[in-house]
C-alpha cells in the first residue's frame, strides 16, 4: 500500500446510517434521541425539550 493510500485510509470517516422505518434513513450522528410517545410525557424536562424542538421544526415523527 502506498503512503498516499495509507493516509487516505487513516483519514476516512465512516458513517453509520439508521433505518427508522418506511423510506426514512438518516446518519446516526444526526440523532439526538429516539423516544416513544410515553417516554416523552414522563418528565417535565422531556416535555419541554420536545415542545421547544417541535416549535422549531427540528423533530420528525416516525411511526
PDB file of N, CA and C in Angstrom:
ATOM      1  N   UNK A   1       0.847  -1.171   0.000  1.00  0.00           N
ATOM      2  CA  UNK A   1       0.000   0.000   0.000  1.00  0.00           C
ATOM      3  C   UNK A   1       0.898   1.242   0.000  1.00  0.00           C
ATOM      4  N   UNK A   2       0.591   2.179  -0.851  1.00  0.00           N
ATOM      5  CA  UNK A   2       1.409   3.391  -0.953  1.00  0.00           C
ATOM      6  C   UNK A   2       1.148   4.312   0.242  1.00  0.00           C
ATOM      7  N   UNK A   3       2.031   5.269   0.418  1.00  0.00           N
ATOM      8  CA  UNK A   3       1.889   6.250   1.502  1.00  0.00           C
ATOM      9  C   UNK A   3       0.582   7.032   1.345  1.00  0.00           C
ATOM     10  N   UNK A   4       0.252   7.382   0.121  1.00  0.00           N
ATOM     11  CA  UNK A   4      -0.980   8.130  -0.156  1.00  0.00           C
ATOM     12  C   UNK A   4      -2.214   7.295   0.214  1.00  0.00           C
ATOM     13  N   UNK A   5      -2.195   6.010  -0.123  1.00  0.00           N
ATOM     14  CA  UNK A   5      -3.324   5.128   0.192  1.00  0.00           C
ATOM     15  C   UNK A   5      -3.460   4.944   1.707  1.00  0.00           C
ATOM     16  N   UNK A   6      -2.329   4.807   2.418  1.00  0.00           N
ATOM     17  CA  UNK A   6      -2.380   4.672   3.879  1.00  0.00           C
ATOM     18  C   UNK A   6      -2.946   5.935   4.511  1.00  0.00           C
ATOM     19  N   UNK A   7      -2.521   7.098   4.020  1.00  0.00           N
ATOM     20  CA  UNK A   7      -3.025   8.369   4.544  1.00  0.00           C
ATOM     21  C   UNK A   7      -4.528   8.487   4.324  1.00  0.00           C
ATOM     22  N   UNK A   8      -4.973   8.152   3.108  1.00  0.00           N
ATOM     23  CA  UNK A   8      -6.391   8.242   2.781  1.00  0.00           C
ATOM     24  C   UNK A   8      -7.197   7.289   3.663  1.00  0.00           C
ATOM     25  N   UNK A   9      -6.718   6.054   3.846  1.00  0.00           N
ATOM     26  CA  UNK A   9      -7.422   5.073   4.659  1.00  0.00           C
ATOM     27  C   UNK A   9      -7.476   5.521   6.117  1.00  0.00           C
ATOM     28  N   UNK A  10      -6.373   6.061   6.624  1.00  0.00           N
ATOM     29  CA  UNK A  10      -6.305   6.521   8.011  1.00  0.00           C
ATOM     30  C   UNK A  10      -7.291   7.663   8.271  1.00  0.00           C
ATOM     31  N   UNK A  11      -7.513   8.507   7.276  1.00  0.00           N
ATOM     32  CA  UNK A  11      -8.341   9.692   7.457  1.00  0.00           C
ATOM     33  C   UNK A  11      -9.771   9.528   6.942  1.00  0.00           C
ATOM     34  N   UNK A  12     -10.128   8.326   6.546  1.00  0.00           N
ATOM     35  CA  UNK A  12     -11.502   8.092   6.109  1.00  0.00           C
ATOM     36  C   UNK A  12     -12.443   8.181   7.297  1.00  0.00           C
ATOM     37  N   UNK A  13     -13.580   8.748   7.059  1.00  0.00           N
ATOM     38  CA  UNK A  13     -14.606   8.820   8.083  1.00  0.00           C
ATOM     39  C   UNK A  13     -15.738   7.911   7.650  1.00  0.00           C
ATOM     40  N   UNK A  14     -16.028   6.948   8.476  1.00  0.00           N
ATOM     41  CA  UNK A  14     -17.117   6.037   8.145  1.00  0.00           C
ATOM     42  C   UNK A  14     -18.399   6.552   8.771  1.00  0.00           C
ATOM     43  N   UNK A  15     -19.465   6.495   8.026  1.00  0.00           N
ATOM     44  CA  UNK A  15     -20.763   6.927   8.521  1.00  0.00           C
ATOM     45  C   UNK A  15     -21.646   5.718   8.758  1.00  0.00           C
ATOM     46  N   UNK A  16     -22.406   5.792   9.829  1.00  0.00           N
ATOM     47  CA  UNK A  16     -23.386   4.757  10.100  1.00  0.00           C
ATOM     48  C   UNK A  16     -24.757   5.369   9.832  1.00  0.00           C
ATOM     49  N   UNK A  17     -25.595   4.607   9.171  1.00  0.00           N
ATOM     50  CA  UNK A  17     -26.944   5.058   8.870  1.00  0.00           C
ATOM     51  C   UNK A  17     -27.940   4.221   9.656  1.00  0.00           C
ATOM     52  N   UNK A  18     -29.040   4.858  10.047  1.00  0.00           N
ATOM     53  CA  UNK A  18     -30.082   4.178  10.800  1.00  0.00           C
ATOM     54  C   UNK A  18     -31.369   4.206   9.976  1.00  0.00           C
ATOM     55  N   UNK A  19     -31.950   3.034   9.774  1.00  0.00           N
ATOM     56  CA  UNK A  19     -33.227   2.922   9.067  1.00  0.00           C
ATOM     57  C   UNK A  19     -34.324   3.029  10.113  1.00  0.00           C
ATOM     58  N   UNK A  20     -35.130   4.093  10.015  1.00  0.00           N
ATOM     59  CA  UNK A  20     -36.155   4.353  11.021  1.00  0.00           C
ATOM     60  C   UNK A  20     -37.533   3.843  10.624  1.00  0.00           C
ATOM     61  N   UNK A  21     -37.629   3.256   9.467  1.00  0.00           N
ATOM     62  CA  UNK A  21     -38.909   2.724   9.013  1.00  0.00           C
ATOM     63  C   UNK A  21     -39.319   3.368   7.705  1.00  0.00           C
ATOM     64  N   UNK A  22     -40.135   2.650   6.961  1.00  0.00           N
ATOM     65  CA  UNK A  22     -40.571   3.157   5.664  1.00  0.00           C
ATOM     66  C   UNK A  22     -39.373   3.469   4.795  1.00  0.00           C
ATOM     67  N   UNK A  23     -39.324   4.691   4.270  1.00  0.00           N
ATOM     68  CA  UNK A  23     -38.204   5.075   3.419  1.00  0.00           C
ATOM     69  C   UNK A  23     -37.302   6.109   4.098  1.00  0.00           C
ATOM     70  N   UNK A  24     -37.320   6.131   5.439  1.00  0.00           N
ATOM     71  CA  UNK A  24     -36.534   7.110   6.190  1.00  0.00           C
ATOM     72  C   UNK A  24     -35.239   6.493   6.709  1.00  0.00           C
ATOM     73  N   UNK A  25     -34.116   6.979   6.176  1.00  0.00           N
ATOM     74  CA  UNK A  25     -32.781   6.554   6.584  1.00  0.00           C
ATOM     75  C   UNK A  25     -31.973   7.824   6.821  1.00  0.00           C
ATOM     76  N   UNK A  26     -31.344   7.922   8.000  1.00  0.00           N
ATOM     77  CA  UNK A  26     -30.551   9.115   8.306  1.00  0.00           C
ATOM     78  C   UNK A  26     -29.204   8.715   8.901  1.00  0.00           C
ATOM     79  N   UNK A  27     -28.257   9.651   8.881  1.00  0.00           N
ATOM     80  CA  UNK A  27     -26.960   9.409   9.504  1.00  0.00           C
ATOM     81  C   UNK A  27     -27.142   9.343  11.017  1.00  0.00           C
ATOM     82  N   UNK A  28     -26.503   8.378  11.641  1.00  0.00           N
ATOM     83  CA  UNK A  28     -26.612   8.185  13.085  1.00  0.00           C
ATOM     84  C   UNK A  28     -26.162   9.434  13.848  1.00  0.00           C
ATOM     85  N   UNK A  29     -25.191  10.156  13.320  1.00  0.00           N
ATOM     86  CA  UNK A  29     -24.679  11.335  14.016  1.00  0.00           C
ATOM     87  C   UNK A  29     -25.709  12.454  14.129  1.00  0.00           C
ATOM     88  N   UNK A  30     -26.778  12.385  13.348  1.00  0.00           N
ATOM     89  CA  UNK A  30     -27.826  13.409  13.416  1.00  0.00           C
ATOM     90  C   UNK A  30     -28.897  13.102  14.451  1.00  0.00           C
ATOM     91  N   UNK A  31     -28.856  11.919  15.043  1.00  0.00           N
ATOM     92  CA  UNK A  31     -29.866  11.524  16.020  1.00  0.00           C
ATOM     93  C   UNK A  31     -29.464  12.008  17.402  1.00  0.00           C
ATOM     94  N   UNK A  32     -30.360  12.724  18.042  1.00  0.00           N
ATOM     95  CA  UNK A  32     -30.149  13.158  19.419  1.00  0.00           C
ATOM     96  C   UNK A  32     -30.859  12.208  20.367  1.00  0.00           C
ATOM     97  N   UNK A  33     -32.077  11.819  20.005  1.00  0.00           N
ATOM     98  CA  UNK A  33     -32.846  10.923  20.865  1.00  0.00           C
ATOM     99  C   UNK A  33     -33.880  10.188  20.035  1.00  0.00           C
ATOM    100  N   UNK A  34     -34.179   8.988  20.467  1.00  0.00           N
ATOM    101  CA  UNK A  34     -35.299   8.239  19.916  1.00  0.00           C
ATOM    102  C   UNK A  34     -36.212   7.963  21.098  1.00  0.00           C
ATOM    103  N   UNK A  35     -37.389   8.564  21.068  1.00  0.00           N
ATOM    104  CA  UNK A  35     -38.322   8.467  22.187  1.00  0.00           C
ATOM    105  C   UNK A  35     -39.639   7.890  21.724  1.00  0.00           C
ATOM    106  N   UNK A  36     -40.248   7.089  22.561  1.00  0.00           N
ATOM    107  CA  UNK A  36     -41.606   6.692  22.257  1.00  0.00           C
ATOM    108  C   UNK A  36     -42.543   7.740  22.866  1.00  0.00           C
ATOM    109  N   UNK A  37     -43.777   7.707  22.483  1.00  0.00           N
ATOM    110  CA  UNK A  37     -44.735   8.722  22.927  1.00  0.00           C
ATOM    111  C   UNK A  37     -44.831   8.780  24.442  1.00  0.00           C
ATOM    112  N   UNK A  38     -44.846   7.641  25.092  1.00  0.00           N
ATOM    113  CA  UNK A  38     -44.988   7.599  26.551  1.00  0.00           C
ATOM    114  C   UNK A  38     -43.774   8.188  27.261  1.00  0.00           C
ATOM    115  N   UNK A  39     -42.576   7.919  26.796  1.00  0.00           N
ATOM    116  CA  UNK A  39     -41.390   8.449  27.477  1.00  0.00           C
ATOM    117  C   UNK A  39     -41.301   9.962  27.335  1.00  0.00           C
ATOM    118  N   UNK A  40     -41.857  10.509  26.278  1.00  0.00           N
ATOM    119  CA  UNK A  40     -41.869  11.959  26.098  1.00  0.00           C
ATOM    120  C   UNK A  40     -42.791  12.663  27.064  1.00  0.00           C
ATOM    121  N   UNK A  41     -43.691  11.918  27.660  1.00  0.00           N
ATOM    122  CA  UNK A  41     -44.663  12.501  28.588  1.00  0.00           C
ATOM    123  C   UNK A  41     -44.299  12.287  30.048  1.00  0.00           C
ATOM    124  N   UNK A  42     -43.228  11.571  30.347  1.00  0.00           N
ATOM    125  CA  UNK A  42     -42.963  11.184  31.728  1.00  0.00           C
ATOM    126  C   UNK A  42     -42.297  12.254  32.572  1.00  0.00           C
ATOM    127  N   UNK A  43     -41.570  13.173  31.988  1.00  0.00           N
ATOM    128  CA  UNK A  43     -40.915  14.195  32.806  1.00  0.00           C
ATOM    129  C   UNK A  43     -41.114  15.577  32.192  1.00  0.00           C
ATOM    130  N   UNK A  44     -41.033  16.579  33.053  1.00  0.00           N
ATOM    131  CA  UNK A  44     -41.195  17.955  32.569  1.00  0.00           C
ATOM    132  C   UNK A  44     -40.045  18.337  31.638  1.00  0.00           C
ATOM    133  N   UNK A  45     -38.834  17.781  31.886  1.00  0.00           N
ATOM    134  CA  UNK A  45     -37.696  18.071  31.021  1.00  0.00           C
ATOM    135  C   UNK A  45     -37.924  17.524  29.608  1.00  0.00           C
ATOM    136  N   UNK A  46     -38.456  16.291  29.531  1.00  0.00           N
ATOM    137  CA  UNK A  46     -38.746  15.707  28.210  1.00  0.00           C
ATOM    138  C   UNK A  46     -39.815  16.507  27.482  1.00  0.00           C
ATOM    139  N   UNK A  47     -40.863  16.896  28.199  1.00  0.00           N
ATOM    140  CA  UNK A  47     -41.941  17.681  27.581  1.00  0.00           C
ATOM    141  C   UNK A  47     -41.408  19.018  27.064  1.00  0.00           C
ATOM    142  N   UNK A  48     -40.578  19.692  27.865  1.00  0.00           N
ATOM    143  CA  UNK A  48     -40.019  20.980  27.456  1.00  0.00           C
ATOM    144  C   UNK A  48     -39.103  20.817  26.242  1.00  0.00           C
ATOM    145  N   UNK A  49     -38.265  19.777  26.267  1.00  0.00           N
ATOM    146  CA  UNK A  49     -37.368  19.506  25.145  1.00  0.00           C
ATOM    147  C   UNK A  49     -38.156  19.263  23.868  1.00  0.00           C
ATOM    148  N   UNK A  50     -39.163  18.403  23.952  1.00  0.00           N
ATOM    149  CA  UNK A  50     -39.961  18.083  22.772  1.00  0.00           C
ATOM    150  C   UNK A  50     -40.726  19.300  22.269  1.00  0.00           C
ATOM    151  N   UNK A  51     -41.330  20.061  23.167  1.00  0.00           N
ATOM    152  CA  UNK A  51     -42.103  21.235  22.759  1.00  0.00           C
ATOM    153  C   UNK A  51     -41.214  22.247  22.039  1.00  0.00           C
ATOM    154  N   UNK A  52     -40.054  22.530  22.616  1.00  0.00           N
ATOM    155  CA  UNK A  52     -39.144  23.505  22.009  1.00  0.00           C
ATOM    156  C   UNK A  52     -38.680  23.054  20.626  1.00  0.00           C
ATOM    157  N   UNK A  53     -38.325  21.794  20.503  1.00  0.00           N
ATOM    158  CA  UNK A  53     -37.827  21.293  19.220  1.00  0.00           C
ATOM    159  C   UNK A  53     -38.933  21.132  18.190  1.00  0.00           C
ATOM    160  N   UNK A  54     -40.136  20.795  18.619  1.00  0.00           N
ATOM    161  CA  UNK A  54     -41.273  20.738  17.686  1.00  0.00           C
ATOM    162  C   UNK A  54     -41.587  22.123  17.145  1.00  0.00           C
ATOM    163  N   UNK A  55     -41.557  23.138  18.022  1.00  0.00           N
ATOM    164  CA  UNK A  55     -41.833  24.511  17.598  1.00  0.00           C
ATOM    165  C   UNK A  55     -40.796  25.005  16.582  1.00  0.00           C
ATOM    166  N   UNK A  56     -39.566  24.535  16.705  1.00  0.00           N
ATOM    167  CA  UNK A  56     -38.504  24.943  15.789  1.00  0.00           C
ATOM    168  C   UNK A  56     -38.442  24.069  14.545  1.00  0.00           C
ATOM    169  N   UNK A  57     -39.322  23.071  14.467  1.00  0.00           N
ATOM    170  CA  UNK A  57     -39.345  22.184  13.314  1.00  0.00           C
ATOM    171  C   UNK A  57     -38.166  21.222  13.260  1.00  0.00           C
ATOM    172  N   UNK A  58     -37.634  20.876  14.415  1.00  0.00           N
ATOM    173  CA  UNK A  58     -36.450  20.020  14.478  1.00  0.00           C
ATOM    174  C   UNK A  58     -36.761  18.568  14.798  1.00  0.00           C
ATOM    175  N   UNK A  59     -38.018  18.223  14.920  1.00  0.00           N
ATOM    176  CA  UNK A  59     -38.381  16.833  15.227  1.00  0.00           C
ATOM    177  C   UNK A  59     -39.038  16.200  14.021  1.00  0.00           C
ATOM    178  N   UNK A  60     -39.011  14.893  14.008  1.00  0.00           N
ATOM    179  CA  UNK A  60     -39.686  14.160  12.945  1.00  0.00           C
ATOM    180  C   UNK A  60     -40.353  12.954  13.568  1.00  0.00           C
ATOM    181  N   UNK A  61     -41.658  12.852  13.377  1.00  0.00           N
ATOM    182  CA  UNK A  61     -42.404  11.702  13.875  1.00  0.00           C
ATOM    183  C   UNK A  61     -42.279  10.552  12.886  1.00  0.00           C
ATOM    184  N   UNK A  62     -41.988   9.385  13.419  1.00  0.00           N
ATOM    185  CA  UNK A  62     -41.876   8.177  12.609  1.00  0.00           C
ATOM    186  C   UNK A  62     -42.754   7.126  13.258  1.00  0.00           C
ATOM    187  N   UNK A  63     -43.648   6.578  12.475  1.00  0.00           N
ATOM    188  CA  UNK A  63     -44.494   5.514  13.055  1.00  0.00           C
ATOM    189  C   UNK A  63     -44.512   4.308  12.173  1.00  0.00           C
TER     190      UNK A  63
END
